[in-house]
Amino acid sequence: MTGQTTSAKPASRREWLLSDRPQSRTQARLGRAYVTWRQFSANRLALVGLFIILALLFVAVFADVIATKSPTVGDLGNARLLPPGVQGFLLGSDDQGRDIFSRVIHGSRLTLLVIVLVAVISAPIGLVVGTVSGYVGGWVDAVLMRITDIFLAFPKLVLALAFVAALGPGIQNAIIAIAITSWPPYARIARAETMTVRRSDYIAAVRLMGASPMRIIFRHVMPLCISSLIVRVTLDMAGIILTAAGLGFLGLGAQPPLPEWGAMIASGRRFILDQWWVAAMPGIAILVVSLGFNLLGDGLRDALDPQESGR
């Protein structure tokens, strides 16, 4: 009897989550989240991407514990350009005698900082511009979309280089420059989503109830665009990492002695033939993290896309 009762509870909970007629908003939200997780977890590569991102978060939070040496202080006399595994340097040392492993670990914090701040700045800008443009239409749509087209006409890295050159080198200015160049695709997606729902019966009913255009945009249209925006932001995070690394490689991003992966590759390119590990280790870190975000984004797209969900 005990075994039957225990086995019946998960089944009833699952039926409650998958109910076609939820009794409350909480049940509806939990059921939708459960279905999304089931679709996401069915993709093994997406789980690999999720594991990589969770590992990045763990490493960034506990960098001071994981790192075995100082990321900025080196030993020019005894530890310059040592290969991996020598004198306790797990990934070798660079031309300043600094531990590459510790620099890569602490560099994850800078990478995560760039990703989060760029997403926090650019995604809301693109969402507001796209929804206002798609819902209002007319000359407002024409002006906002022409501004968006101007930004999209230039390669992201080239435009970011121009902004950083105007603002000056540094990690803060690099974040601002990348954020300024990242919002136009989000505006395009939000506009397309808005134009598909602005004439729907749902929006017409809200309008008949007396809701103002701004209330309709912010309370009813924007939430419908968030799922597509999350997928695009996740997929763009790999590009954000590469753009930040490119700025660091050119000396316009994080400045020495900060352990930024792009700057580490730039300092190690002189030794690429003989001391390959100096540039290869941060390059592998960029490759793995970018791959993780791409896999995670693909999984989220399959889970959040209504067309994919219905298949």
C-alpha atoms as a PDB file:
ATOM      1  CA  MET A   1       0.000   0.000   0.000  1.00  0.00           C
ATOM      2  CA  THR A   2       2.815   2.370   0.850  1.00  0.00           C
ATOM      3  CA  GLY A   3       4.531   1.710  -2.470  1.00  0.00           C
ATOM      4  CA  GLN A   4       1.308   2.260  -4.383  1.00  0.00           C
ATOM      5  CA  THR A   5       0.624   5.532  -2.590  1.00  0.00           C
ATOM      6  CA  THR A   6       4.165   6.790  -3.202  1.00  0.00           C
ATOM      7  CA  SER A   7       4.062   5.902  -6.904  1.00  0.00           C
ATOM      8  CA  ALA A   8       0.658   7.524  -7.331  1.00  0.00           C
ATOM      9  CA  LYS A   9       1.778  10.933  -6.076  1.00  0.00           C
ATOM     10  CA  PRO A  10       4.243  11.716  -8.891  1.00  0.00           C
ATOM     11  CA  ALA A  11       1.658  10.651 -11.479  1.00  0.00           C
ATOM     12  CA  SER A  12      -0.987  12.937  -9.956  1.00  0.00           C
ATOM     13  CA  ARG A  13       1.513  15.811  -9.740  1.00  0.00           C
ATOM     14  CA  ARG A  14       2.455  15.294 -13.374  1.00  0.00           C
ATOM     15  CA  GLU A  15      -1.195  15.254 -14.395  1.00  0.00           C
ATOM     16  CA  TRP A  16      -1.724  18.449 -12.394  1.00  0.00           C
ATOM     17  CA  LEU A  17       1.129  20.160 -14.260  1.00  0.00           C
ATOM     18  CA  LEU A  18      -0.062  18.926 -17.662  1.00  0.00           C
ATOM     19  CA  SER A  19      -3.714  19.740 -17.099  1.00  0.00           C
ATOM     20  CA  ASP A  20      -5.518  21.277 -20.093  1.00  0.00           C
ATOM     21  CA  ARG A  21      -7.689  23.320 -17.720  1.00  0.00           C
ATOM     22  CA  PRO A  22      -5.469  24.917 -15.067  1.00  0.00           C
ATOM     23  CA  GLN A  23      -7.338  26.213 -12.025  1.00  0.00           C
ATOM     24  CA  SER A  24      -4.984  29.140 -11.342  1.00  0.00           C
ATOM     25  CA  ARG A  25      -2.283  31.247 -12.931  1.00  0.00           C
ATOM     26  CA  THR A  26       0.311  29.520 -10.774  1.00  0.00           C
ATOM     27  CA  GLN A  27      -0.715  26.126 -12.103  1.00  0.00           C
ATOM     28  CA  ALA A  28      -0.633  27.451 -15.671  1.00  0.00           C
ATOM     29  CA  ARG A  29       2.841  28.934 -15.228  1.00  0.00           C
ATOM     30  CA  LEU A  30       4.232  25.824 -13.555  1.00  0.00           C
ATOM     31  CA  GLY A  31       2.711  23.610 -16.229  1.00  0.00           C
ATOM     32  CA  ARG A  32       4.201  25.727 -18.998  1.00  0.00           C
ATOM     33  CA  ALA A  33       7.602  25.700 -17.281  1.00  0.00           C
ATOM     34  CA  TYR A  34       7.405  21.913 -16.865  1.00  0.00           C
ATOM     35  CA  VAL A  35       6.601  21.367 -20.535  1.00  0.00           C
ATOM     36  CA  THR A  36       9.414  23.717 -21.562  1.00  0.00           C
ATOM     37  CA  TRP A  37      11.913  21.879 -19.344  1.00  0.00           C
ATOM     38  CA  ARG A  38      10.848  18.502 -20.769  1.00  0.00           C
ATOM     39  CA  GLN A  39      11.380  19.735 -24.305  1.00  0.00           C
ATOM     40  CA  PHE A  40      14.693  21.341 -23.381  1.00  0.00           C
ATOM     41  CA  SER A  41      16.021  18.309 -21.487  1.00  0.00           C
ATOM     42  CA  ALA A  42      15.195  16.033 -24.429  1.00  0.00           C
ATOM     43  CA  ASN A  43      18.037  17.757 -26.313  1.00  0.00           C
ATOM     44  CA  ARG A  44      21.287  16.218 -25.049  1.00  0.00           C
ATOM     45  CA  LEU A  45      23.475  18.892 -26.649  1.00  0.00           C
ATOM     46  CA  ALA A  46      21.418  21.599 -24.958  1.00  0.00           C
ATOM     47  CA  LEU A  47      22.123  19.931 -21.607  1.00  0.00           C
ATOM     48  CA  VAL A  48      25.831  19.971 -22.461  1.00  0.00           C
ATOM     49  CA  GLY A  49      25.579  23.703 -23.151  1.00  0.00           C
ATOM     50  CA  LEU A  50      23.712  24.235 -19.876  1.00  0.00           C
ATOM     51  CA  PHE A  51      26.438  22.328 -18.010  1.00  0.00           C
ATOM     52  CA  ILE A  52      29.152  24.504 -19.594  1.00  0.00           C
ATOM     53  CA  ILE A  53      27.366  27.712 -18.620  1.00  0.00           C
ATOM     54  CA  LEU A  54      26.742  26.484 -15.086  1.00  0.00           C
ATOM     55  CA  ALA A  55      30.427  25.555 -14.874  1.00  0.00           C
ATOM     56  CA  LEU A  56      31.327  29.081 -16.043  1.00  0.00           C
ATOM     57  CA  LEU A  57      29.128  30.559 -13.310  1.00  0.00           C
ATOM     58  CA  PHE A  58      30.677  28.280 -10.696  1.00  0.00           C
ATOM     59  CA  VAL A  59      34.220  29.133 -11.786  1.00  0.00           C
ATOM     60  CA  ALA A  60      33.468  32.866 -11.828  1.00  0.00           C
ATOM     61  CA  VAL A  61      31.938  32.829  -8.343  1.00  0.00           C
ATOM     62  CA  PHE A  62      34.680  30.723  -6.746  1.00  0.00           C
ATOM     63  CA  ALA A  63      37.633  32.019  -8.795  1.00  0.00           C
ATOM     64  CA  ASP A  64      39.551  33.061  -5.687  1.00  0.00           C
ATOM     65  CA  VAL A  65      39.290  29.506  -4.322  1.00  0.00           C
ATOM     66  CA  ILE A  66      39.931  27.633  -7.583  1.00  0.00           C
ATOM     67  CA  ALA A  67      42.890  29.713  -8.757  1.00  0.00           C
ATOM     68  CA  THR A  68      46.151  28.359  -7.415  1.00  0.00           C
ATOM     69  CA  LYS A  69      48.248  31.531  -7.859  1.00  0.00           C
ATOM     70  CA  SER A  70      47.864  35.252  -8.343  1.00  0.00           C
ATOM     71  CA  PRO A  71      46.469  36.198 -11.775  1.00  0.00           C
ATOM     72  CA  THR A  72      48.429  39.471 -11.931  1.00  0.00           C
ATOM     73  CA  VAL A  73      51.705  38.872 -10.062  1.00  0.00           C
ATOM     74  CA  GLY A  74      54.377  36.832 -11.829  1.00  0.00           C
ATOM     75  CA  ASP A  75      57.954  35.641 -11.372  1.00  0.00           C
ATOM     76  CA  LEU A  76      60.124  36.824 -14.263  1.00  0.00           C
ATOM     77  CA  GLY A  77      63.262  35.284 -12.831  1.00  0.00           C
ATOM     78  CA  ASN A  78      62.130  31.681 -12.310  1.00  0.00           C
ATOM     79  CA  ALA A  79      58.736  31.113 -13.969  1.00  0.00           C
ATOM     80  CA  ARG A  80      58.791  32.741 -17.378  1.00  0.00           C
ATOM     81  CA  LEU A  81      57.166  30.754 -20.242  1.00  0.00           C
ATOM     82  CA  LEU A  82      57.082  27.447 -18.388  1.00  0.00           C
ATOM     83  CA  PRO A  83      55.168  24.616 -20.106  1.00  0.00           C
ATOM     84  CA  PRO A  84      52.029  23.106 -18.528  1.00  0.00           C
ATOM     85  CA  GLY A  85      52.643  20.973 -15.460  1.00  0.00           C
ATOM     86  CA  VAL A  86      56.024  22.442 -14.511  1.00  0.00           C
ATOM     87  CA  GLN A  87      56.515  23.944 -11.014  1.00  0.00           C
ATOM     88  CA  GLY A  88      52.794  23.742 -10.288  1.00  0.00           C
ATOM     89  CA  PHE A  89      51.669  25.734 -13.328  1.00  0.00           C
ATOM     90  CA  LEU A  90      48.754  23.590 -14.544  1.00  0.00           C
ATOM     91  CA  LEU A  91      48.426  25.400 -17.895  1.00  0.00           C
ATOM     92  CA  GLY A  92      51.906  26.878 -18.026  1.00  0.00           C
ATOM     93  CA  SER A  93      53.070  30.459 -17.468  1.00  0.00           C
ATOM     94  CA  ASP A  94      53.183  33.507 -19.719  1.00  0.00           C
ATOM     95  CA  ASP A  95      55.990  35.893 -20.663  1.00  0.00           C
ATOM     96  CA  GLN A  96      55.578  37.747 -17.343  1.00  0.00           C
ATOM     97  CA  GLY A  97      55.846  34.557 -15.270  1.00  0.00           C
ATOM     98  CA  ARG A  98      52.146  34.590 -14.374  1.00  0.00           C
ATOM     99  CA  ASP A  99      50.056  31.453 -13.972  1.00  0.00           C
ATOM    100  CA  ILE A 100      47.868  31.009 -17.077  1.00  0.00           C
ATOM    101  CA  PHE A 101      45.425  28.738 -15.237  1.00  0.00           C
ATOM    102  CA  SER A 102      44.739  31.414 -12.613  1.00  0.00           C
ATOM    103  CA  ARG A 103      44.420  34.088 -15.301  1.00  0.00           C
ATOM    104  CA  VAL A 104      41.934  32.005 -17.287  1.00  0.00           C
ATOM    105  CA  ILE A 105      39.904  31.323 -14.135  1.00  0.00           C
ATOM    106  CA  HIS A 106      39.764  34.989 -13.155  1.00  0.00           C
ATOM    107  CA  GLY A 107      39.155  35.946 -16.775  1.00  0.00           C
ATOM    108  CA  SER A 108      35.837  34.098 -16.575  1.00  0.00           C
ATOM    109  CA  ARG A 109      34.623  36.872 -14.260  1.00  0.00           C
ATOM    110  CA  LEU A 110      35.359  39.535 -16.848  1.00  0.00           C
ATOM    111  CA  THR A 111      33.714  37.467 -19.559  1.00  0.00           C
ATOM    112  CA  LEU A 112      30.598  36.933 -17.460  1.00  0.00           C
ATOM    113  CA  LEU A 113      30.527  40.618 -16.533  1.00  0.00           C
ATOM    114  CA  VAL A 114      30.628  41.654 -20.191  1.00  0.00           C
ATOM    115  CA  ILE A 115      27.903  39.164 -21.160  1.00  0.00           C
ATOM    116  CA  VAL A 116      25.518  40.159 -18.370  1.00  0.00           C
ATOM    117  CA  LEU A 117      25.932  43.921 -18.721  1.00  0.00           C
ATOM    118  CA  VAL A 118      25.640  43.884 -22.515  1.00  0.00           C
ATOM    119  CA  ALA A 119      22.480  41.762 -22.303  1.00  0.00           C
ATOM    120  CA  VAL A 120      20.994  43.969 -19.568  1.00  0.00           C
ATOM    121  CA  ILE A 121      21.653  47.136 -21.583  1.00  0.00           C
ATOM    122  CA  SER A 122      20.956  46.073 -25.166  1.00  0.00           C
ATOM    123  CA  ALA A 123      17.998  43.675 -24.791  1.00  0.00           C
ATOM    124  CA  PRO A 124      15.613  46.194 -23.120  1.00  0.00           C
ATOM    125  CA  ILE A 125      16.574  48.873 -25.656  1.00  0.00           C
ATOM    126  CA  GLY A 126      15.852  46.563 -28.569  1.00  0.00           C
ATOM    127  CA  LEU A 127      12.614  45.345 -26.978  1.00  0.00           C
ATOM    128  CA  VAL A 128      11.267  48.874 -26.425  1.00  0.00           C
ATOM    129  CA  VAL A 129      12.291  50.123 -29.873  1.00  0.00           C
ATOM    130  CA  GLY A 130      10.871  47.068 -31.645  1.00  0.00           C
ATOM    131  CA  THR A 131       7.533  46.930 -29.831  1.00  0.00           C
ATOM    132  CA  VAL A 132       6.881  50.669 -30.110  1.00  0.00           C
ATOM    133  CA  SER A 133       7.826  50.632 -33.780  1.00  0.00           C
ATOM    134  CA  GLY A 134       5.682  47.603 -34.587  1.00  0.00           C
ATOM    135  CA  TYR A 135       2.608  48.719 -32.643  1.00  0.00           C
ATOM    136  CA  VAL A 136       2.515  52.439 -33.454  1.00  0.00           C
ATOM    137  CA  GLY A 137       3.573  52.138 -37.095  1.00  0.00           C
ATOM    138  CA  GLY A 138       3.554  55.126 -39.449  1.00  0.00           C
ATOM    139  CA  TRP A 139       6.363  57.657 -39.293  1.00  0.00           C
ATOM    140  CA  VAL A 140       7.475  56.381 -35.875  1.00  0.00           C
ATOM    141  CA  ASP A 141       8.086  52.944 -37.377  1.00  0.00           C
ATOM    142  CA  ALA A 142       9.897  54.452 -40.372  1.00  0.00           C
ATOM    143  CA  VAL A 143      12.231  56.591 -38.236  1.00  0.00           C
ATOM    144  CA  LEU A 144      13.072  53.872 -35.700  1.00  0.00           C
ATOM    145  CA  MET A 145      13.675  51.229 -38.361  1.00  0.00           C
ATOM    146  CA  ARG A 146      15.889  53.507 -40.445  1.00  0.00           C
ATOM    147  CA  ILE A 147      18.014  54.146 -37.355  1.00  0.00           C
ATOM    148  CA  THR A 148      18.133  50.389 -36.809  1.00  0.00           C
ATOM    149  CA  ASP A 149      19.172  49.860 -40.444  1.00  0.00           C
ATOM    150  CA  ILE A 150      22.039  52.318 -40.022  1.00  0.00           C
ATOM    151  CA  PHE A 151      23.430  50.256 -37.130  1.00  0.00           C
ATOM    152  CA  LEU A 152      22.875  46.979 -39.016  1.00  0.00           C
ATOM    153  CA  ALA A 153      24.717  48.326 -42.076  1.00  0.00           C
ATOM    154  CA  PHE A 154      28.071  48.085 -40.274  1.00  0.00           C
ATOM    155  CA  PRO A 155      29.764  44.910 -38.996  1.00  0.00           C
ATOM    156  CA  LYS A 156      29.397  44.716 -35.232  1.00  0.00           C
ATOM    157  CA  LEU A 157      33.135  44.589 -34.512  1.00  0.00           C
ATOM    158  CA  VAL A 158      33.908  47.529 -36.805  1.00  0.00           C
ATOM    159  CA  LEU A 159      31.174  49.635 -35.207  1.00  0.00           C
ATOM    160  CA  ALA A 160      32.317  48.639 -31.721  1.00  0.00           C
ATOM    161  CA  LEU A 161      35.871  49.644 -32.657  1.00  0.00           C
ATOM    162  CA  ALA A 162      34.633  53.065 -33.727  1.00  0.00           C
ATOM    163  CA  PHE A 163      32.768  53.626 -30.457  1.00  0.00           C
ATOM    164  CA  VAL A 164      35.674  52.417 -28.317  1.00  0.00           C
ATOM    165  CA  ALA A 165      38.066  54.631 -30.261  1.00  0.00           C
ATOM    166  CA  ALA A 166      35.794  57.587 -29.468  1.00  0.00           C
ATOM    167  CA  LEU A 167      35.212  56.669 -25.824  1.00  0.00           C
ATOM    168  CA  GLY A 168      38.726  55.437 -25.071  1.00  0.00           C
ATOM    169  CA  PRO A 169      40.105  51.975 -24.232  1.00  0.00           C
ATOM    170  CA  GLY A 170      38.871  50.157 -21.151  1.00  0.00           C
ATOM    171  CA  ILE A 171      36.526  47.400 -20.093  1.00  0.00           C
ATOM    172  CA  GLN A 172      33.692  49.829 -19.216  1.00  0.00           C
ATOM    173  CA  ASN A 173      33.840  51.570 -22.587  1.00  0.00           C
ATOM    174  CA  ALA A 174      34.079  48.217 -24.356  1.00  0.00           C
ATOM    175  CA  ILE A 175      30.864  47.072 -22.643  1.00  0.00           C
ATOM    176  CA  ILE A 176      29.093  50.283 -23.663  1.00  0.00           C
ATOM    177  CA  ALA A 177      30.310  49.962 -27.246  1.00  0.00           C
ATOM    178  CA  ILE A 178      29.227  46.331 -27.568  1.00  0.00           C
ATOM    179  CA  ALA A 179      25.825  47.125 -26.039  1.00  0.00           C
ATOM    180  CA  ILE A 180      25.284  50.014 -28.471  1.00  0.00           C
ATOM    181  CA  THR A 181      25.973  47.711 -31.420  1.00  0.00           C
ATOM    182  CA  SER A 182      23.949  44.732 -30.126  1.00  0.00           C
ATOM    183  CA  TRP A 183      20.381  46.078 -29.809  1.00  0.00           C
ATOM    184  CA  PRO A 184      19.292  46.360 -33.505  1.00  0.00           C
ATOM    185  CA  PRO A 185      18.657  42.591 -34.059  1.00  0.00           C
ATOM    186  CA  TYR A 186      16.510  42.517 -30.915  1.00  0.00           C
ATOM    187  CA  ALA A 187      14.494  45.479 -32.203  1.00  0.00           C
ATOM    188  CA  ARG A 188      13.878  43.648 -35.482  1.00  0.00           C
ATOM    189  CA  ILE A 189      12.669  40.526 -33.703  1.00  0.00           C
ATOM    190  CA  ALA A 190      10.411  42.483 -31.323  1.00  0.00           C
ATOM    191  CA  ARG A 191       8.936  44.458 -34.227  1.00  0.00           C
ATOM    192  CA  ALA A 192       8.161  41.301 -36.193  1.00  0.00           C
ATOM    193  CA  GLU A 193       6.520  39.683 -33.153  1.00  0.00           C
ATOM    194  CA  THR A 194       4.512  42.838 -32.438  1.00  0.00           C
ATOM    195  CA  MET A 195       3.209  43.122 -35.984  1.00  0.00           C
ATOM    196  CA  THR A 196       1.903  39.546 -35.822  1.00  0.00           C
ATOM    197  CA  VAL A 197      -0.131  40.159 -32.641  1.00  0.00           C
ATOM    198  CA  ARG A 198      -1.202  43.807 -32.801  1.00  0.00           C
ATOM    199  CA  ARG A 199      -4.304  42.951 -34.870  1.00  0.00           C
ATOM    200  CA  SER A 200      -5.183  39.823 -32.897  1.00  0.00           C
ATOM    201  CA  ASP A 201      -8.484  39.451 -31.061  1.00  0.00           C
ATOM    202  CA  TYR A 202      -6.631  39.459 -27.754  1.00  0.00           C
ATOM    203  CA  ILE A 203      -5.158  42.923 -28.338  1.00  0.00           C
ATOM    204  CA  ALA A 204      -8.460  44.193 -29.770  1.00  0.00           C
ATOM    205  CA  ALA A 205     -10.266  43.099 -26.620  1.00  0.00           C
ATOM    206  CA  VAL A 206      -7.743  44.876 -24.411  1.00  0.00           C
ATOM    207  CA  ARG A 207      -8.098  48.007 -26.539  1.00  0.00           C
ATOM    208  CA  LEU A 208     -11.898  47.906 -26.244  1.00  0.00           C
ATOM    209  CA  MET A 209     -11.554  47.740 -22.467  1.00  0.00           C
ATOM    210  CA  GLY A 210      -9.968  51.192 -22.594  1.00  0.00           C
ATOM    211  CA  ALA A 211      -6.269  50.332 -22.202  1.00  0.00           C
ATOM    212  CA  SER A 212      -3.893  53.018 -23.450  1.00  0.00           C
ATOM    213  CA  PRO A 213      -1.374  52.240 -26.215  1.00  0.00           C
ATOM    214  CA  MET A 214       1.539  52.360 -23.757  1.00  0.00           C
ATOM    215  CA  ARG A 215      -0.216  49.972 -21.390  1.00  0.00           C
ATOM    216  CA  ILE A 216      -0.943  47.607 -24.257  1.00  0.00           C
ATOM    217  CA  ILE A 217       2.698  47.712 -25.378  1.00  0.00           C
ATOM    218  CA  PHE A 218       4.286  47.238 -21.969  1.00  0.00           C
ATOM    219  CA  ARG A 219       1.736  44.928 -20.332  1.00  0.00           C
ATOM    220  CA  HIS A 220       0.445  42.805 -23.209  1.00  0.00           C
ATOM    221  CA  VAL A 221       2.758  43.001 -26.248  1.00  0.00           C
ATOM    222  CA  MET A 222       6.202  42.922 -24.632  1.00  0.00           C
ATOM    223  CA  PRO A 223       5.584  39.694 -22.660  1.00  0.00           C
ATOM    224  CA  LEU A 224       4.747  37.944 -25.933  1.00  0.00           C
ATOM    225  CA  CYS A 225       8.128  38.948 -27.365  1.00  0.00           C
ATOM    226  CA  ILE A 226      10.268  37.882 -24.417  1.00  0.00           C
ATOM    227  CA  SER A 227      10.634  34.190 -25.338  1.00  0.00           C
ATOM    228  CA  SER A 228      11.982  34.982 -28.822  1.00  0.00           C
ATOM    229  CA  LEU A 229      14.215  37.661 -27.347  1.00  0.00           C
ATOM    230  CA  ILE A 230      15.675  35.262 -24.757  1.00  0.00           C
ATOM    231  CA  VAL A 231      16.591  32.794 -27.490  1.00  0.00           C
ATOM    232  CA  ARG A 232      18.259  35.488 -29.616  1.00  0.00           C
ATOM    233  CA  VAL A 233      20.161  36.955 -26.654  1.00  0.00           C
ATOM    234  CA  THR A 234      21.458  33.519 -25.685  1.00  0.00           C
ATOM    235  CA  LEU A 235      22.601  32.813 -29.234  1.00  0.00           C
ATOM    236  CA  ASP A 236      24.239  36.248 -29.461  1.00  0.00           C
ATOM    237  CA  MET A 237      26.265  35.755 -26.273  1.00  0.00           C
ATOM    238  CA  ALA A 238      28.903  33.815 -28.209  1.00  0.00           C
ATOM    239  CA  GLY A 239      29.234  36.782 -30.557  1.00  0.00           C
ATOM    240  CA  ILE A 240      29.467  39.136 -27.587  1.00  0.00           C
ATOM    241  CA  ILE A 241      32.335  37.061 -26.176  1.00  0.00           C
ATOM    242  CA  LEU A 242      34.155  37.121 -29.521  1.00  0.00           C
ATOM    243  CA  THR A 243      33.626  40.873 -29.931  1.00  0.00           C
ATOM    244  CA  ALA A 244      34.951  41.537 -26.424  1.00  0.00           C
ATOM    245  CA  ALA A 245      37.910  39.256 -27.109  1.00  0.00           C
ATOM    246  CA  GLY A 246      38.536  41.064 -30.399  1.00  0.00           C
ATOM    247  CA  LEU A 247      38.594  44.434 -28.655  1.00  0.00           C
ATOM    248  CA  GLY A 248      40.910  43.023 -25.993  1.00  0.00           C
ATOM    249  CA  PHE A 249      43.149  41.521 -28.675  1.00  0.00           C
ATOM    250  CA  LEU A 250      43.480  44.939 -30.314  1.00  0.00           C
ATOM    251  CA  GLY A 251      44.237  46.598 -26.973  1.00  0.00           C
ATOM    252  CA  LEU A 252      40.933  48.499 -26.774  1.00  0.00           C
ATOM    253  CA  GLY A 253      39.198  46.304 -24.207  1.00  0.00           C
ATOM    254  CA  ALA A 254      40.367  45.362 -20.743  1.00  0.00           C
ATOM    255  CA  GLN A 255      43.781  46.871 -20.030  1.00  0.00           C
ATOM    256  CA  PRO A 256      46.780  45.073 -18.465  1.00  0.00           C
ATOM    257  CA  PRO A 257      47.175  43.498 -16.024  1.00  0.00           C
ATOM    258  CA  LEU A 258      43.489  42.424 -16.082  1.00  0.00           C
ATOM    259  CA  PRO A 259      43.252  38.751 -17.139  1.00  0.00           C
ATOM    260  CA  GLU A 260      40.963  39.196 -20.151  1.00  0.00           C
ATOM    261  CA  TRP A 261      41.018  36.271 -22.582  1.00  0.00           C
ATOM    262  CA  GLY A 262      41.388  38.341 -25.759  1.00  0.00           C
ATOM    263  CA  ALA A 263      44.243  40.359 -24.295  1.00  0.00           C
ATOM    264  CA  MET A 264      45.901  37.114 -23.169  1.00  0.00           C
ATOM    265  CA  ILE A 265      45.784  35.795 -26.742  1.00  0.00           C
ATOM    266  CA  ALA A 266      47.281  39.073 -27.988  1.00  0.00           C
ATOM    267  CA  SER A 267      50.177  38.866 -25.541  1.00  0.00           C
ATOM    268  CA  GLY A 268      50.804  35.225 -26.448  1.00  0.00           C
ATOM    269  CA  ARG A 269      50.742  35.523 -30.235  1.00  0.00           C
ATOM    270  CA  ARG A 270      54.475  36.312 -30.250  1.00  0.00           C
ATOM    271  CA  PHE A 271      55.230  32.890 -28.777  1.00  0.00           C
ATOM    272  CA  ILE A 272      52.671  30.841 -30.713  1.00  0.00           C
ATOM    273  CA  LEU A 273      55.263  28.651 -32.453  1.00  0.00           C
ATOM    274  CA  ASP A 274      57.426  27.699 -29.476  1.00  0.00           C
ATOM    275  CA  GLN A 275      55.304  28.414 -26.368  1.00  0.00           C
ATOM    276  CA  TRP A 276      51.903  27.601 -27.875  1.00  0.00           C
ATOM    277  CA  TRP A 277      50.110  27.286 -24.534  1.00  0.00           C
ATOM    278  CA  VAL A 278      50.313  31.033 -23.825  1.00  0.00           C
ATOM    279  CA  ALA A 279      47.747  31.834 -26.547  1.00  0.00           C
ATOM    280  CA  ALA A 280      46.092  28.425 -26.864  1.00  0.00           C
ATOM    281  CA  MET A 281      44.708  28.156 -23.327  1.00  0.00           C
ATOM    282  CA  PRO A 282      42.619  31.360 -23.348  1.00  0.00           C
ATOM    283  CA  GLY A 283      41.620  30.534 -26.924  1.00  0.00           C
ATOM    284  CA  ILE A 284      40.291  27.153 -25.805  1.00  0.00           C
ATOM    285  CA  ALA A 285      38.362  28.893 -23.000  1.00  0.00           C
ATOM    286  CA  ILE A 286      36.706  31.231 -25.527  1.00  0.00           C
ATOM    287  CA  LEU A 287      35.892  28.256 -27.781  1.00  0.00           C
ATOM    288  CA  VAL A 288      34.308  26.189 -25.000  1.00  0.00           C
ATOM    289  CA  VAL A 289      32.217  29.017 -23.547  1.00  0.00           C
ATOM    290  CA  SER A 290      31.037  30.172 -26.988  1.00  0.00           C
ATOM    291  CA  LEU A 291      30.084  26.599 -27.855  1.00  0.00           C
ATOM    292  CA  GLY A 292      28.180  26.309 -24.580  1.00  0.00           C
ATOM    293  CA  PHE A 293      26.086  29.401 -25.295  1.00  0.00           C
ATOM    294  CA  ASN A 294      25.360  28.245 -28.844  1.00  0.00           C
ATOM    295  CA  LEU A 295      24.194  24.820 -27.654  1.00  0.00           C
ATOM    296  CA  LEU A 296      22.114  26.401 -24.904  1.00  0.00           C
ATOM    297  CA  GLY A 297      20.540  28.833 -27.359  1.00  0.00           C
ATOM    298  CA  ASP A 298      19.635  26.039 -29.779  1.00  0.00           C
ATOM    299  CA  GLY A 299      17.963  24.128 -26.962  1.00  0.00           C
ATOM    300  CA  LEU A 300      16.016  27.174 -25.802  1.00  0.00           C
ATOM    301  CA  ARG A 301      14.891  27.875 -29.354  1.00  0.00           C
ATOM    302  CA  ASP A 302      13.505  24.365 -29.716  1.00  0.00           C
ATOM    303  CA  ALA A 303      11.807  24.551 -26.316  1.00  0.00           C
ATOM    304  CA  LEU A 304      10.339  28.056 -26.572  1.00  0.00           C
ATOM    305  CA  ASP A 305       9.390  28.126 -30.248  1.00  0.00           C
ATOM    306  CA  PRO A 306       5.647  27.367 -30.474  1.00  0.00           C
ATOM    307  CA  GLN A 307       6.041  25.784 -33.908  1.00  0.00           C
ATOM    308  CA  GLU A 308       8.738  23.481 -32.604  1.00  0.00           C
ATOM    309  CA  SER A 309       6.678  22.723 -29.501  1.00  0.00           C
ATOM    310  CA  GLY A 310       3.734  21.559 -31.567  1.00  0.00           C
ATOM    311  CA  ARG A 311       5.700  19.032 -33.535  1.00  0.00           C
END
